Amino acid sequence: MLGEDESGFLKADQKARQAAEKIRRVGKLGITGDDWEAVGGTVPPDLKQNPGKTRAELMSDQEVAEYLRRKQGVIQEFSQQQYRNSTFHQSFVEAETADWNATTSHLRSIGRLPKEFETE
C-alpha cells in the first residue's frame, strides 16, 4: 500500500506526463497555467491572471501572427548550414519544428491560424 507522500508523487507524475503530452499535441499556445506548472515550468503572468485560459485564447490575432513569425524566424536561422554540425542546434530545431507543427495545427483547429500561415 502506498503512503500519502508516495500517492501524491504518483498523482503529480501522472499530471506532469499528461501535461507534457498535451504540449506535444497542441503546442505552447494551447496550454494553461496549470499545464505549465505540472511540467515544472514558470507560469507566464498572463496565464496566472487568467486561470484555465490558454495563450491562444488570450492573444490578439496580431500577437498570434507575430509569435508565429518569430518562431518561424528562429527555425530558419538555426536551420542554416553553419549550425548543421551542432547536435545542440539540430535538436533545438527539431523541438521548435515539432512545436511549430503542433501550434499551427491547434490554431487551425480553433480557427485562430492567421491566413499568412494557412499553407504552411
PDB file of N, CA and C in Angstrom:
ATOM      1  N   MET A   1       0.833  -1.179   0.000  1.00  0.00           N
ATOM      2  CA  MET A   1       0.000   0.000   0.000  1.00  0.00           C
ATOM      3  C   MET A   1       0.883   1.249   0.000  1.00  0.00           C
ATOM      4  N   LEU A   2       0.475   2.232  -0.781  1.00  0.00           N
ATOM      5  CA  LEU A   2       1.255   3.451  -0.889  1.00  0.00           C
ATOM      6  C   LEU A   2       0.964   4.400   0.261  1.00  0.00           C
ATOM      7  N   GLY A   3       2.021   5.057   0.725  1.00  0.00           N
ATOM      8  CA  GLY A   3       1.846   6.094   1.727  1.00  0.00           C
ATOM      9  C   GLY A   3       1.300   7.354   1.075  1.00  0.00           C
ATOM     10  N   GLU A   4       0.872   8.284   1.881  1.00  0.00           N
ATOM     11  CA  GLU A   4       0.292   9.521   1.369  1.00  0.00           C
ATOM     12  C   GLU A   4       1.280  10.284   0.491  1.00  0.00           C
ATOM     13  N   ASP A   5       2.558  10.341   0.905  1.00  0.00           N
ATOM     14  CA  ASP A   5       3.570  11.045   0.123  1.00  0.00           C
ATOM     15  C   ASP A   5       3.773  10.376  -1.228  1.00  0.00           C
ATOM     16  N   GLU A   6       3.835   9.046  -1.240  1.00  0.00           N
ATOM     17  CA  GLU A   6       4.042   8.321  -2.496  1.00  0.00           C
ATOM     18  C   GLU A   6       2.847   8.482  -3.425  1.00  0.00           C
ATOM     19  N   SER A   7       1.666   8.445  -2.893  1.00  0.00           N
ATOM     20  CA  SER A   7       0.462   8.610  -3.687  1.00  0.00           C
ATOM     21  C   SER A   7       0.422  10.003  -4.319  1.00  0.00           C
ATOM     22  N   GLY A   8       0.776  11.009  -3.565  1.00  0.00           N
ATOM     23  CA  GLY A   8       0.822  12.382  -4.079  1.00  0.00           C
ATOM     24  C   GLY A   8       1.848  12.536  -5.177  1.00  0.00           C
ATOM     25  N   PHE A   9       3.001  11.891  -4.997  1.00  0.00           N
ATOM     26  CA  PHE A   9       4.048  11.933  -6.013  1.00  0.00           C
ATOM     27  C   PHE A   9       3.562  11.281  -7.305  1.00  0.00           C
ATOM     28  N   LEU A  10       2.890  10.144  -7.192  1.00  0.00           N
ATOM     29  CA  LEU A  10       2.398   9.438  -8.377  1.00  0.00           C
ATOM     30  C   LEU A  10       1.353  10.272  -9.116  1.00  0.00           C
ATOM     31  N   LYS A  11       0.489  10.938  -8.360  1.00  0.00           N
ATOM     32  CA  LYS A  11      -0.515  11.804  -8.991  1.00  0.00           C
ATOM     33  C   LYS A  11       0.155  12.978  -9.697  1.00  0.00           C
ATOM     34  N   ALA A  12       1.154  13.568  -9.067  1.00  0.00           N
ATOM     35  CA  ALA A  12       1.878  14.689  -9.677  1.00  0.00           C
ATOM     36  C   ALA A  12       2.617  14.226 -10.928  1.00  0.00           C
ATOM     37  N   ASP A  13       3.216  13.038 -10.862  1.00  0.00           N
ATOM     38  CA  ASP A  13       3.924  12.488 -12.013  1.00  0.00           C
ATOM     39  C   ASP A  13       2.963  12.233 -13.173  1.00  0.00           C
ATOM     40  N   GLN A  14       1.803  11.688 -12.864  1.00  0.00           N
ATOM     41  CA  GLN A  14       0.801  11.435 -13.903  1.00  0.00           C
ATOM     42  C   GLN A  14       0.323  12.752 -14.509  1.00  0.00           C
ATOM     43  N   LYS A  15       0.109  13.753 -13.690  1.00  0.00           N
ATOM     44  CA  LYS A  15      -0.328  15.062 -14.171  1.00  0.00           C
ATOM     45  C   LYS A  15       0.743  15.689 -15.065  1.00  0.00           C
ATOM     46  N   ALA A  16       2.009  15.528 -14.682  1.00  0.00           N
ATOM     47  CA  ALA A  16       3.113  16.056 -15.492  1.00  0.00           C
ATOM     48  C   ALA A  16       3.176  15.360 -16.848  1.00  0.00           C
ATOM     49  N   ARG A  17       2.996  14.055 -16.855  1.00  0.00           N
ATOM     50  CA  ARG A  17       3.005  13.316 -18.127  1.00  0.00           C
ATOM     51  C   ARG A  17       1.855  13.745 -19.023  1.00  0.00           C
ATOM     52  N   GLN A  18       0.685  13.920 -18.443  1.00  0.00           N
ATOM     53  CA  GLN A  18      -0.479  14.346 -19.220  1.00  0.00           C
ATOM     54  C   GLN A  18      -0.261  15.749 -19.797  1.00  0.00           C
ATOM     55  N   ALA A  19       0.309  16.631 -18.998  1.00  0.00           N
ATOM     56  CA  ALA A  19       0.571  17.997 -19.470  1.00  0.00           C
ATOM     57  C   ALA A  19       1.631  17.991 -20.566  1.00  0.00           C
ATOM     58  N   ALA A  20       2.678  17.176 -20.405  1.00  0.00           N
ATOM     59  CA  ALA A  20       3.725  17.088 -21.430  1.00  0.00           C
ATOM     60  C   ALA A  20       3.152  16.568 -22.743  1.00  0.00           C
ATOM     61  N   GLU A  21       2.277  15.593 -22.667  1.00  0.00           N
ATOM     62  CA  GLU A  21       1.636  15.064 -23.872  1.00  0.00           C
ATOM     63  C   GLU A  21       0.751  16.131 -24.510  1.00  0.00           C
ATOM     64  N   LYS A  22       0.062  16.902 -23.696  1.00  0.00           N
ATOM     65  CA  LYS A  22      -0.776  17.980 -24.223  1.00  0.00           C
ATOM     66  C   LYS A  22       0.079  19.010 -24.950  1.00  0.00           C
ATOM     67  N   ILE A  23       1.230  19.363 -24.381  1.00  0.00           N
ATOM     68  CA  ILE A  23       2.140  20.317 -25.018  1.00  0.00           C
ATOM     69  C   ILE A  23       2.589  19.782 -26.371  1.00  0.00           C
ATOM     70  N   ARG A  24       2.938  18.498 -26.435  1.00  0.00           N
ATOM     71  CA  ARG A  24       3.349  17.896 -27.710  1.00  0.00           C
ATOM     72  C   ARG A  24       2.212  17.927 -28.731  1.00  0.00           C
ATOM     73  N   ARG A  25       0.990  17.809 -28.252  1.00  0.00           N
ATOM     74  CA  ARG A  25      -0.172  17.737 -29.134  1.00  0.00           C
ATOM     75  C   ARG A  25      -0.643  19.111 -29.620  1.00  0.00           C
ATOM     76  N   VAL A  26      -0.645  20.126 -28.745  1.00  0.00           N
ATOM     77  CA  VAL A  26      -1.227  21.419 -29.104  1.00  0.00           C
ATOM     78  C   VAL A  26      -0.226  22.570 -29.144  1.00  0.00           C
ATOM     79  N   GLY A  27       1.006  22.349 -28.721  1.00  0.00           N
ATOM     80  CA  GLY A  27       1.997  23.419 -28.714  1.00  0.00           C
ATOM     81  C   GLY A  27       1.840  24.336 -27.513  1.00  0.00           C
ATOM     82  N   LYS A  28       2.764  25.267 -27.409  1.00  0.00           N
ATOM     83  CA  LYS A  28       2.828  26.124 -26.222  1.00  0.00           C
ATOM     84  C   LYS A  28       1.694  27.139 -26.121  1.00  0.00           C
ATOM     85  N   LEU A  29       1.050  27.460 -27.238  1.00  0.00           N
ATOM     86  CA  LEU A  29      -0.062  28.409 -27.164  1.00  0.00           C
ATOM     87  C   LEU A  29      -1.362  27.740 -26.737  1.00  0.00           C
ATOM     88  N   GLY A  30      -1.382  26.408 -26.693  1.00  0.00           N
ATOM     89  CA  GLY A  30      -2.613  25.689 -26.382  1.00  0.00           C
ATOM     90  C   GLY A  30      -2.695  25.123 -24.979  1.00  0.00           C
ATOM     91  N   ILE A  31      -1.798  25.560 -24.099  1.00  0.00           N
ATOM     92  CA  ILE A  31      -1.797  25.017 -22.741  1.00  0.00           C
ATOM     93  C   ILE A  31      -2.115  26.099 -21.713  1.00  0.00           C
ATOM     94  N   THR A  32      -2.580  25.663 -20.575  1.00  0.00           N
ATOM     95  CA  THR A  32      -2.956  26.575 -19.484  1.00  0.00           C
ATOM     96  C   THR A  32      -1.805  26.734 -18.498  1.00  0.00           C
ATOM     97  N   GLY A  33      -1.987  27.631 -17.564  1.00  0.00           N
ATOM     98  CA  GLY A  33      -1.007  27.812 -16.496  1.00  0.00           C
ATOM     99  C   GLY A  33      -0.825  26.540 -15.679  1.00  0.00           C
ATOM    100  N   ASP A  34      -1.907  25.810 -15.461  1.00  0.00           N
ATOM    101  CA  ASP A  34      -1.811  24.539 -14.731  1.00  0.00           C
ATOM    102  C   ASP A  34      -0.909  23.547 -15.468  1.00  0.00           C
ATOM    103  N   ASP A  35      -0.996  23.547 -16.808  1.00  0.00           N
ATOM    104  CA  ASP A  35      -0.137  22.653 -17.592  1.00  0.00           C
ATOM    105  C   ASP A  35       1.331  23.054 -17.448  1.00  0.00           C
ATOM    106  N   TRP A  36       1.609  24.358 -17.539  1.00  0.00           N
ATOM    107  CA  TRP A  36       2.979  24.847 -17.351  1.00  0.00           C
ATOM    108  C   TRP A  36       3.508  24.403 -15.981  1.00  0.00           C
ATOM    109  N   GLU A  37       2.694  24.594 -14.976  1.00  0.00           N
ATOM    110  CA  GLU A  37       3.088  24.249 -13.613  1.00  0.00           C
ATOM    111  C   GLU A  37       3.328  22.751 -13.456  1.00  0.00           C
ATOM    112  N   ALA A  38       2.481  21.943 -14.081  1.00  0.00           N
ATOM    113  CA  ALA A  38       2.587  20.482 -13.959  1.00  0.00           C
ATOM    114  C   ALA A  38       3.900  19.951 -14.517  1.00  0.00           C
ATOM    115  N   VAL A  39       4.439  20.617 -15.543  1.00  0.00           N
ATOM    116  CA  VAL A  39       5.708  20.154 -16.118  1.00  0.00           C
ATOM    117  C   VAL A  39       6.909  20.871 -15.503  1.00  0.00           C
ATOM    118  N   GLY A  40       6.662  21.650 -14.454  1.00  0.00           N
ATOM    119  CA  GLY A  40       7.754  22.301 -13.740  1.00  0.00           C
ATOM    120  C   GLY A  40       8.191  23.617 -14.349  1.00  0.00           C
ATOM    121  N   GLY A  41       7.378  24.165 -15.244  1.00  0.00           N
ATOM    122  CA  GLY A  41       7.719  25.439 -15.873  1.00  0.00           C
ATOM    123  C   GLY A  41       7.234  26.623 -15.064  1.00  0.00           C
ATOM    124  N   THR A  42       7.741  27.782 -15.428  1.00  0.00           N
ATOM    125  CA  THR A  42       7.287  29.024 -14.813  1.00  0.00           C
ATOM    126  C   THR A  42       6.042  29.482 -15.553  1.00  0.00           C
ATOM    127  N   VAL A  43       4.977  29.672 -14.832  1.00  0.00           N
ATOM    128  CA  VAL A  43       3.708  30.071 -15.439  1.00  0.00           C
ATOM    129  C   VAL A  43       3.820  31.525 -15.900  1.00  0.00           C
ATOM    130  N   PRO A  44       3.590  31.780 -17.196  1.00  0.00           N
ATOM    131  CA  PRO A  44       3.619  33.162 -17.687  1.00  0.00           C
ATOM    132  C   PRO A  44       2.576  34.011 -16.969  1.00  0.00           C
ATOM    133  N   PRO A  45       2.896  35.286 -16.730  1.00  0.00           N
ATOM    134  CA  PRO A  45       1.989  36.167 -15.988  1.00  0.00           C
ATOM    135  C   PRO A  45       0.569  36.226 -16.559  1.00  0.00           C
ATOM    136  N   ASP A  46       0.445  36.258 -17.893  1.00  0.00           N
ATOM    137  CA  ASP A  46      -0.897  36.361 -18.466  1.00  0.00           C
ATOM    138  C   ASP A  46      -1.738  35.125 -18.161  1.00  0.00           C
ATOM    139  N   LEU A  47      -1.104  33.971 -18.037  1.00  0.00           N
ATOM    140  CA  LEU A  47      -1.839  32.748 -17.694  1.00  0.00           C
ATOM    141  C   LEU A  47      -2.141  32.685 -16.198  1.00  0.00           C
ATOM    142  N   LYS A  48      -1.250  33.251 -15.379  1.00  0.00           N
ATOM    143  CA  LYS A  48      -1.523  33.332 -13.938  1.00  0.00           C
ATOM    144  C   LYS A  48      -2.760  34.178 -13.670  1.00  0.00           C
ATOM    145  N   GLN A  49      -2.888  35.248 -14.437  1.00  0.00           N
ATOM    146  CA  GLN A  49      -4.001  36.177 -14.240  1.00  0.00           C
ATOM    147  C   GLN A  49      -5.304  35.664 -14.859  1.00  0.00           C
ATOM    148  N   ASN A  50      -5.214  34.616 -15.674  1.00  0.00           N
ATOM    149  CA  ASN A  50      -6.388  34.083 -16.370  1.00  0.00           C
ATOM    150  C   ASN A  50      -6.431  32.565 -16.257  1.00  0.00           C
ATOM    151  N   PRO A  51      -6.691  32.049 -15.056  1.00  0.00           N
ATOM    152  CA  PRO A  51      -6.684  30.598 -14.849  1.00  0.00           C
ATOM    153  C   PRO A  51      -7.624  29.870 -15.821  1.00  0.00           C
ATOM    154  N   GLY A  52      -7.143  28.752 -16.344  1.00  0.00           N
ATOM    155  CA  GLY A  52      -7.947  27.939 -17.242  1.00  0.00           C
ATOM    156  C   GLY A  52      -7.903  28.381 -18.691  1.00  0.00           C
ATOM    157  N   LYS A  53      -7.299  29.535 -18.959  1.00  0.00           N
ATOM    158  CA  LYS A  53      -7.191  30.046 -20.331  1.00  0.00           C
ATOM    159  C   LYS A  53      -5.838  29.675 -20.925  1.00  0.00           C
ATOM    160  N   THR A  54      -5.789  29.663 -22.252  1.00  0.00           N
ATOM    161  CA  THR A  54      -4.537  29.421 -22.967  1.00  0.00           C
ATOM    162  C   THR A  54      -4.086  30.729 -23.605  1.00  0.00           C
ATOM    163  N   ARG A  55      -2.828  30.766 -24.007  1.00  0.00           N
ATOM    164  CA  ARG A  55      -2.340  31.973 -24.690  1.00  0.00           C
ATOM    165  C   ARG A  55      -3.077  32.181 -26.002  1.00  0.00           C
ATOM    166  N   ALA A  56      -3.415  31.094 -26.690  1.00  0.00           N
ATOM    167  CA  ALA A  56      -4.157  31.218 -27.945  1.00  0.00           C
ATOM    168  C   ALA A  56      -5.493  31.922 -27.716  1.00  0.00           C
ATOM    169  N   GLU A  57      -6.078  31.730 -26.557  1.00  0.00           N
ATOM    170  CA  GLU A  57      -7.343  32.389 -26.237  1.00  0.00           C
ATOM    171  C   GLU A  57      -7.148  33.845 -25.828  1.00  0.00           C
ATOM    172  N   LEU A  58      -5.993  34.155 -25.268  1.00  0.00           N
ATOM    173  CA  LEU A  58      -5.745  35.489 -24.729  1.00  0.00           C
ATOM    174  C   LEU A  58      -5.096  36.448 -25.719  1.00  0.00           C
ATOM    175  N   MET A  59      -4.383  35.921 -26.705  1.00  0.00           N
ATOM    176  CA  MET A  59      -3.646  36.760 -27.647  1.00  0.00           C
ATOM    177  C   MET A  59      -4.566  37.311 -28.736  1.00  0.00           C
ATOM    178  N   SER A  60      -4.236  38.508 -29.189  1.00  0.00           N
ATOM    179  CA  SER A  60      -4.949  39.081 -30.335  1.00  0.00           C
ATOM    180  C   SER A  60      -4.470  38.368 -31.605  1.00  0.00           C
ATOM    181  N   ASP A  61      -5.200  38.565 -32.698  1.00  0.00           N
ATOM    182  CA  ASP A  61      -4.783  37.981 -33.969  1.00  0.00           C
ATOM    183  C   ASP A  61      -3.384  38.461 -34.347  1.00  0.00           C
ATOM    184  N   GLN A  62      -3.112  39.740 -34.123  1.00  0.00           N
ATOM    185  CA  GLN A  62      -1.805  40.317 -34.429  1.00  0.00           C
ATOM    186  C   GLN A  62      -0.708  39.664 -33.573  1.00  0.00           C
ATOM    187  N   GLU A  63      -0.978  39.446 -32.306  1.00  0.00           N
ATOM    188  CA  GLU A  63       0.008  38.812 -31.422  1.00  0.00           C
ATOM    189  C   GLU A  63       0.284  37.373 -31.836  1.00  0.00           C
ATOM    190  N   VAL A  64      -0.753  36.647 -32.238  1.00  0.00           N
ATOM    191  CA  VAL A  64      -0.570  35.268 -32.702  1.00  0.00           C
ATOM    192  C   VAL A  64       0.313  35.266 -33.946  1.00  0.00           C
ATOM    193  N   ALA A  65       0.024  36.146 -34.895  1.00  0.00           N
ATOM    194  CA  ALA A  65       0.812  36.215 -36.131  1.00  0.00           C
ATOM    195  C   ALA A  65       2.264  36.565 -35.828  1.00  0.00           C
ATOM    196  N   GLU A  66       2.491  37.516 -34.934  1.00  0.00           N
ATOM    197  CA  GLU A  66       3.858  37.908 -34.580  1.00  0.00           C
ATOM    198  C   GLU A  66       4.597  36.760 -33.889  1.00  0.00           C
ATOM    199  N   TYR A  67       3.927  36.055 -33.002  1.00  0.00           N
ATOM    200  CA  TYR A  67       4.518  34.893 -32.342  1.00  0.00           C
ATOM    201  C   TYR A  67       4.973  33.873 -33.388  1.00  0.00           C
ATOM    202  N   LEU A  68       4.108  33.594 -34.358  1.00  0.00           N
ATOM    203  CA  LEU A  68       4.447  32.611 -35.393  1.00  0.00           C
ATOM    204  C   LEU A  68       5.583  33.107 -36.286  1.00  0.00           C
ATOM    205  N   ARG A  69       5.595  34.387 -36.609  1.00  0.00           N
ATOM    206  CA  ARG A  69       6.696  34.933 -37.420  1.00  0.00           C
ATOM    207  C   ARG A  69       8.032  34.788 -36.688  1.00  0.00           C
ATOM    208  N   ARG A  70       8.044  35.103 -35.383  1.00  0.00           N
ATOM    209  CA  ARG A  70       9.283  34.969 -34.595  1.00  0.00           C
ATOM    210  C   ARG A  70       9.736  33.518 -34.543  1.00  0.00           C
ATOM    211  N   LYS A  71       8.795  32.609 -34.282  1.00  0.00           N
ATOM    212  CA  LYS A  71       9.140  31.187 -34.206  1.00  0.00           C
ATOM    213  C   LYS A  71       9.669  30.703 -35.556  1.00  0.00           C
ATOM    214  N   GLN A  72       9.028  31.119 -36.639  1.00  0.00           N
ATOM    215  CA  GLN A  72       9.459  30.741 -37.976  1.00  0.00           C
ATOM    216  C   GLN A  72      10.875  31.265 -38.241  1.00  0.00           C
ATOM    217  N   GLY A  73      11.147  32.492 -37.812  1.00  0.00           N
ATOM    218  CA  GLY A  73      12.477  33.080 -37.986  1.00  0.00           C
ATOM    219  C   GLY A  73      13.545  32.318 -37.223  1.00  0.00           C
ATOM    220  N   VAL A  74      13.236  31.903 -36.010  1.00  0.00           N
ATOM    221  CA  VAL A  74      14.187  31.129 -35.197  1.00  0.00           C
ATOM    222  C   VAL A  74      14.495  29.795 -35.874  1.00  0.00           C
ATOM    223  N   ILE A  75      13.465  29.137 -36.355  1.00  0.00           N
ATOM    224  CA  ILE A  75      13.670  27.843 -37.031  1.00  0.00           C
ATOM    225  C   ILE A  75      14.524  28.036 -38.278  1.00  0.00           C
ATOM    226  N   GLN A  76      14.226  29.059 -39.055  1.00  0.00           N
ATOM    227  CA  GLN A  76      15.006  29.316 -40.269  1.00  0.00           C
ATOM    228  C   GLN A  76      16.454  29.658 -39.931  1.00  0.00           C
ATOM    229  N   GLU A  77      16.650  30.484 -38.927  1.00  0.00           N
ATOM    230  CA  GLU A  77      18.008  30.879 -38.529  1.00  0.00           C
ATOM    231  C   GLU A  77      18.847  29.668 -38.134  1.00  0.00           C
ATOM    232  N   PHE A  78      18.305  28.822 -37.272  1.00  0.00           N
ATOM    233  CA  PHE A  78      19.083  27.693 -36.771  1.00  0.00           C
ATOM    234  C   PHE A  78      19.095  26.500 -37.719  1.00  0.00           C
ATOM    235  N   SER A  79      18.400  26.620 -38.844  1.00  0.00           N
ATOM    236  CA  SER A  79      18.441  25.576 -39.868  1.00  0.00           C
ATOM    237  C   SER A  79      19.533  25.850 -40.899  1.00  0.00           C
ATOM    238  N   GLN A  80      20.222  26.970 -40.768  1.00  0.00           N
ATOM    239  CA  GLN A  80      21.265  27.343 -41.724  1.00  0.00           C
ATOM    240  C   GLN A  80      22.455  26.385 -41.640  1.00  0.00           C
ATOM    241  N   GLN A  81      23.182  26.335 -42.721  1.00  0.00           N
ATOM    242  CA  GLN A  81      24.330  25.428 -42.865  1.00  0.00           C
ATOM    243  C   GLN A  81      25.320  25.535 -41.697  1.00  0.00           C
ATOM    244  N   GLN A  82      25.580  26.731 -41.237  1.00  0.00           N
ATOM    245  CA  GLN A  82      26.576  26.928 -40.184  1.00  0.00           C
ATOM    246  C   GLN A  82      26.238  26.191 -38.886  1.00  0.00           C
ATOM    247  N   TYR A  83      24.975  25.814 -38.702  1.00  0.00           N
ATOM    248  CA  TYR A  83      24.566  25.120 -37.487  1.00  0.00           C
ATOM    249  C   TYR A  83      24.365  23.624 -37.687  1.00  0.00           C
ATOM    250  N   ARG A  84      24.496  23.155 -38.895  1.00  0.00           N
ATOM    251  CA  ARG A  84      24.138  21.764 -39.195  1.00  0.00           C
ATOM    252  C   ARG A  84      25.020  20.726 -38.508  1.00  0.00           C
ATOM    253  N   ASN A  85      26.219  21.089 -38.097  1.00  0.00           N
ATOM    254  CA  ASN A  85      27.101  20.132 -37.433  1.00  0.00           C
ATOM    255  C   ASN A  85      26.979  20.174 -35.917  1.00  0.00           C
ATOM    256  N   SER A  86      26.098  20.991 -35.421  1.00  0.00           N
ATOM    257  CA  SER A  86      25.918  21.121 -33.980  1.00  0.00           C
ATOM    258  C   SER A  86      24.720  20.287 -33.528  1.00  0.00           C
ATOM    259  N   THR A  87      24.985  19.292 -32.723  1.00  0.00           N
ATOM    260  CA  THR A  87      23.914  18.433 -32.212  1.00  0.00           C
ATOM    261  C   THR A  87      22.902  19.244 -31.410  1.00  0.00           C
ATOM    262  N   PHE A  88      23.401  20.172 -30.593  1.00  0.00           N
ATOM    263  CA  PHE A  88      22.501  21.001 -29.792  1.00  0.00           C
ATOM    264  C   PHE A  88      21.558  21.788 -30.690  1.00  0.00           C
ATOM    265  N   HIS A  89      22.117  22.471 -31.679  1.00  0.00           N
ATOM    266  CA  HIS A  89      21.286  23.300 -32.549  1.00  0.00           C
ATOM    267  C   HIS A  89      20.296  22.459 -33.337  1.00  0.00           C
ATOM    268  N   GLN A  90      20.705  21.307 -33.781  1.00  0.00           N
ATOM    269  CA  GLN A  90      19.797  20.457 -34.541  1.00  0.00           C
ATOM    270  C   GLN A  90      18.666  19.924 -33.660  1.00  0.00           C
ATOM    271  N   SER A  91      18.980  19.556 -32.419  1.00  0.00           N
ATOM    272  CA  SER A  91      17.907  19.086 -31.529  1.00  0.00           C
ATOM    273  C   SER A  91      16.970  20.247 -31.190  1.00  0.00           C
ATOM    274  N   PHE A  92      17.526  21.453 -31.078  1.00  0.00           N
ATOM    275  CA  PHE A  92      16.714  22.647 -30.840  1.00  0.00           C
ATOM    276  C   PHE A  92      15.761  22.874 -32.008  1.00  0.00           C
ATOM    277  N   VAL A  93      16.279  22.781 -33.232  1.00  0.00           N
ATOM    278  CA  VAL A  93      15.450  22.965 -34.428  1.00  0.00           C
ATOM    279  C   VAL A  93      14.357  21.899 -34.487  1.00  0.00           C
ATOM    280  N   GLU A  94      14.703  20.666 -34.167  1.00  0.00           N
ATOM    281  CA  GLU A  94      13.704  19.592 -34.162  1.00  0.00           C
ATOM    282  C   GLU A  94      12.593  19.878 -33.160  1.00  0.00           C
ATOM    283  N   ALA A  95      12.966  20.322 -31.960  1.00  0.00           N
ATOM    284  CA  ALA A  95      11.971  20.627 -30.928  1.00  0.00           C
ATOM    285  C   ALA A  95      11.108  21.818 -31.343  1.00  0.00           C
ATOM    286  N   GLU A  96      11.724  22.858 -31.884  1.00  0.00           N
ATOM    287  CA  GLU A  96      10.976  24.036 -32.313  1.00  0.00           C
ATOM    288  C   GLU A  96      10.060  23.709 -33.498  1.00  0.00           C
ATOM    289  N   THR A  97      10.517  22.861 -34.400  1.00  0.00           N
ATOM    290  CA  THR A  97       9.697  22.455 -35.550  1.00  0.00           C
ATOM    291  C   THR A  97       8.503  21.631 -35.079  1.00  0.00           C
ATOM    292  N   ALA A  98       8.730  20.747 -34.129  1.00  0.00           N
ATOM    293  CA  ALA A  98       7.620  19.951 -33.580  1.00  0.00           C
ATOM    294  C   ALA A  98       6.604  20.876 -32.914  1.00  0.00           C
ATOM    295  N   ASP A  99       7.091  21.873 -32.154  1.00  0.00           N
ATOM    296  CA  ASP A  99       6.177  22.818 -31.510  1.00  0.00           C
ATOM    297  C   ASP A  99       5.449  23.652 -32.566  1.00  0.00           C
ATOM    298  N   TRP A 100       6.149  24.051 -33.626  1.00  0.00           N
ATOM    299  CA  TRP A 100       5.532  24.791 -34.737  1.00  0.00           C
ATOM    300  C   TRP A 100       4.376  23.988 -35.323  1.00  0.00           C
ATOM    301  N   ASN A 101       4.636  22.724 -35.622  1.00  0.00           N
ATOM    302  CA  ASN A 101       3.607  21.867 -36.223  1.00  0.00           C
ATOM    303  C   ASN A 101       2.406  21.702 -35.293  1.00  0.00           C
ATOM    304  N   ALA A 102       2.668  21.476 -34.010  1.00  0.00           N
ATOM    305  CA  ALA A 102       1.581  21.316 -33.045  1.00  0.00           C
ATOM    306  C   ALA A 102       0.801  22.616 -32.879  1.00  0.00           C
ATOM    307  N   THR A 103       1.517  23.722 -32.791  1.00  0.00           N
ATOM    308  CA  THR A 103       0.883  25.025 -32.588  1.00  0.00           C
ATOM    309  C   THR A 103       0.021  25.413 -33.785  1.00  0.00           C
ATOM    310  N   THR A 104       0.565  25.293 -34.992  1.00  0.00           N
ATOM    311  CA  THR A 104      -0.213  25.685 -36.169  1.00  0.00           C
ATOM    312  C   THR A 104      -1.416  24.757 -36.359  1.00  0.00           C
ATOM    313  N   SER A 105      -1.249  23.491 -36.068  1.00  0.00           N
ATOM    314  CA  SER A 105      -2.370  22.553 -36.169  1.00  0.00           C
ATOM    315  C   SER A 105      -3.463  22.922 -35.162  1.00  0.00           C
ATOM    316  N   HIS A 106      -3.044  23.223 -33.928  1.00  0.00           N
ATOM    317  CA  HIS A 106      -4.007  23.616 -32.892  1.00  0.00           C
ATOM    318  C   HIS A 106      -4.715  24.918 -33.272  1.00  0.00           C
ATOM    319  N   LEU A 107      -3.945  25.913 -33.706  1.00  0.00           N
ATOM    320  CA  LEU A 107      -4.551  27.187 -34.083  1.00  0.00           C
ATOM    321  C   LEU A 107      -5.536  26.999 -35.236  1.00  0.00           C
ATOM    322  N   ARG A 108      -5.183  26.148 -36.180  1.00  0.00           N
ATOM    323  CA  ARG A 108      -6.090  25.850 -37.298  1.00  0.00           C
ATOM    324  C   ARG A 108      -7.388  25.227 -36.761  1.00  0.00           C
ATOM    325  N   SER A 109      -7.256  24.312 -35.817  1.00  0.00           N
ATOM    326  CA  SER A 109      -8.430  23.593 -35.290  1.00  0.00           C
ATOM    327  C   SER A 109      -9.380  24.497 -34.509  1.00  0.00           C
ATOM    328  N   ILE A 110      -8.867  25.595 -33.959  1.00  0.00           N
ATOM    329  CA  ILE A 110      -9.731  26.512 -33.198  1.00  0.00           C
ATOM    330  C   ILE A 110     -10.038  27.782 -33.991  1.00  0.00           C
ATOM    331  N   GLY A 111      -9.665  27.796 -35.265  1.00  0.00           N
ATOM    332  CA  GLY A 111      -9.970  28.938 -36.119  1.00  0.00           C
ATOM    333  C   GLY A 111      -9.144  30.172 -35.854  1.00  0.00           C
ATOM    334  N   ARG A 112      -7.931  30.005 -35.329  1.00  0.00           N
ATOM    335  CA  ARG A 112      -7.072  31.150 -34.985  1.00  0.00           C
ATOM    336  C   ARG A 112      -5.792  31.223 -35.810  1.00  0.00           C
ATOM    337  N   LEU A 113      -5.613  30.330 -36.778  1.00  0.00           N
ATOM    338  CA  LEU A 113      -4.392  30.365 -37.592  1.00  0.00           C
ATOM    339  C   LEU A 113      -4.480  31.522 -38.581  1.00  0.00           C
ATOM    340  N   PRO A 114      -3.532  32.465 -38.507  1.00  0.00           N
ATOM    341  CA  PRO A 114      -3.558  33.592 -39.441  1.00  0.00           C
ATOM    342  C   PRO A 114      -3.457  33.108 -40.898  1.00  0.00           C
ATOM    343  N   LYS A 115      -4.126  33.817 -41.792  1.00  0.00           N
ATOM    344  CA  LYS A 115      -4.167  33.447 -43.207  1.00  0.00           C
ATOM    345  C   LYS A 115      -2.776  33.257 -43.802  1.00  0.00           C
ATOM    346  N   GLU A 116      -1.826  34.096 -43.405  1.00  0.00           N
ATOM    347  CA  GLU A 116      -0.483  34.015 -43.984  1.00  0.00           C
ATOM    348  C   GLU A 116       0.214  32.686 -43.683  1.00  0.00           C
ATOM    349  N   PHE A 117      -0.295  31.925 -42.717  1.00  0.00           N
ATOM    350  CA  PHE A 117       0.319  30.648 -42.354  1.00  0.00           C
ATOM    351  C   PHE A 117      -0.538  29.444 -42.759  1.00  0.00           C
ATOM    352  N   GLU A 118      -1.640  29.692 -43.434  1.00  0.00           N
ATOM    353  CA  GLU A 118      -2.546  28.595 -43.766  1.00  0.00           C
ATOM    354  C   GLU A 118      -1.933  27.539 -44.668  1.00  0.00           C
ATOM    355  N   THR A 119      -0.999  27.897 -45.505  1.00  0.00           N
ATOM    356  CA  THR A 119      -0.396  26.914 -46.414  1.00  0.00           C
ATOM    357  C   THR A 119       0.829  26.246 -45.834  1.00  0.00           C
ATOM    358  N   GLU A 120       1.248  26.667 -44.662  1.00  0.00           N
ATOM    359  CA  GLU A 120       2.460  26.097 -44.040  1.00  0.00           C
ATOM    360  C   GLU A 120       2.245  24.648 -43.683  1.00  0.00           C
TER     361      GLU A 120
END
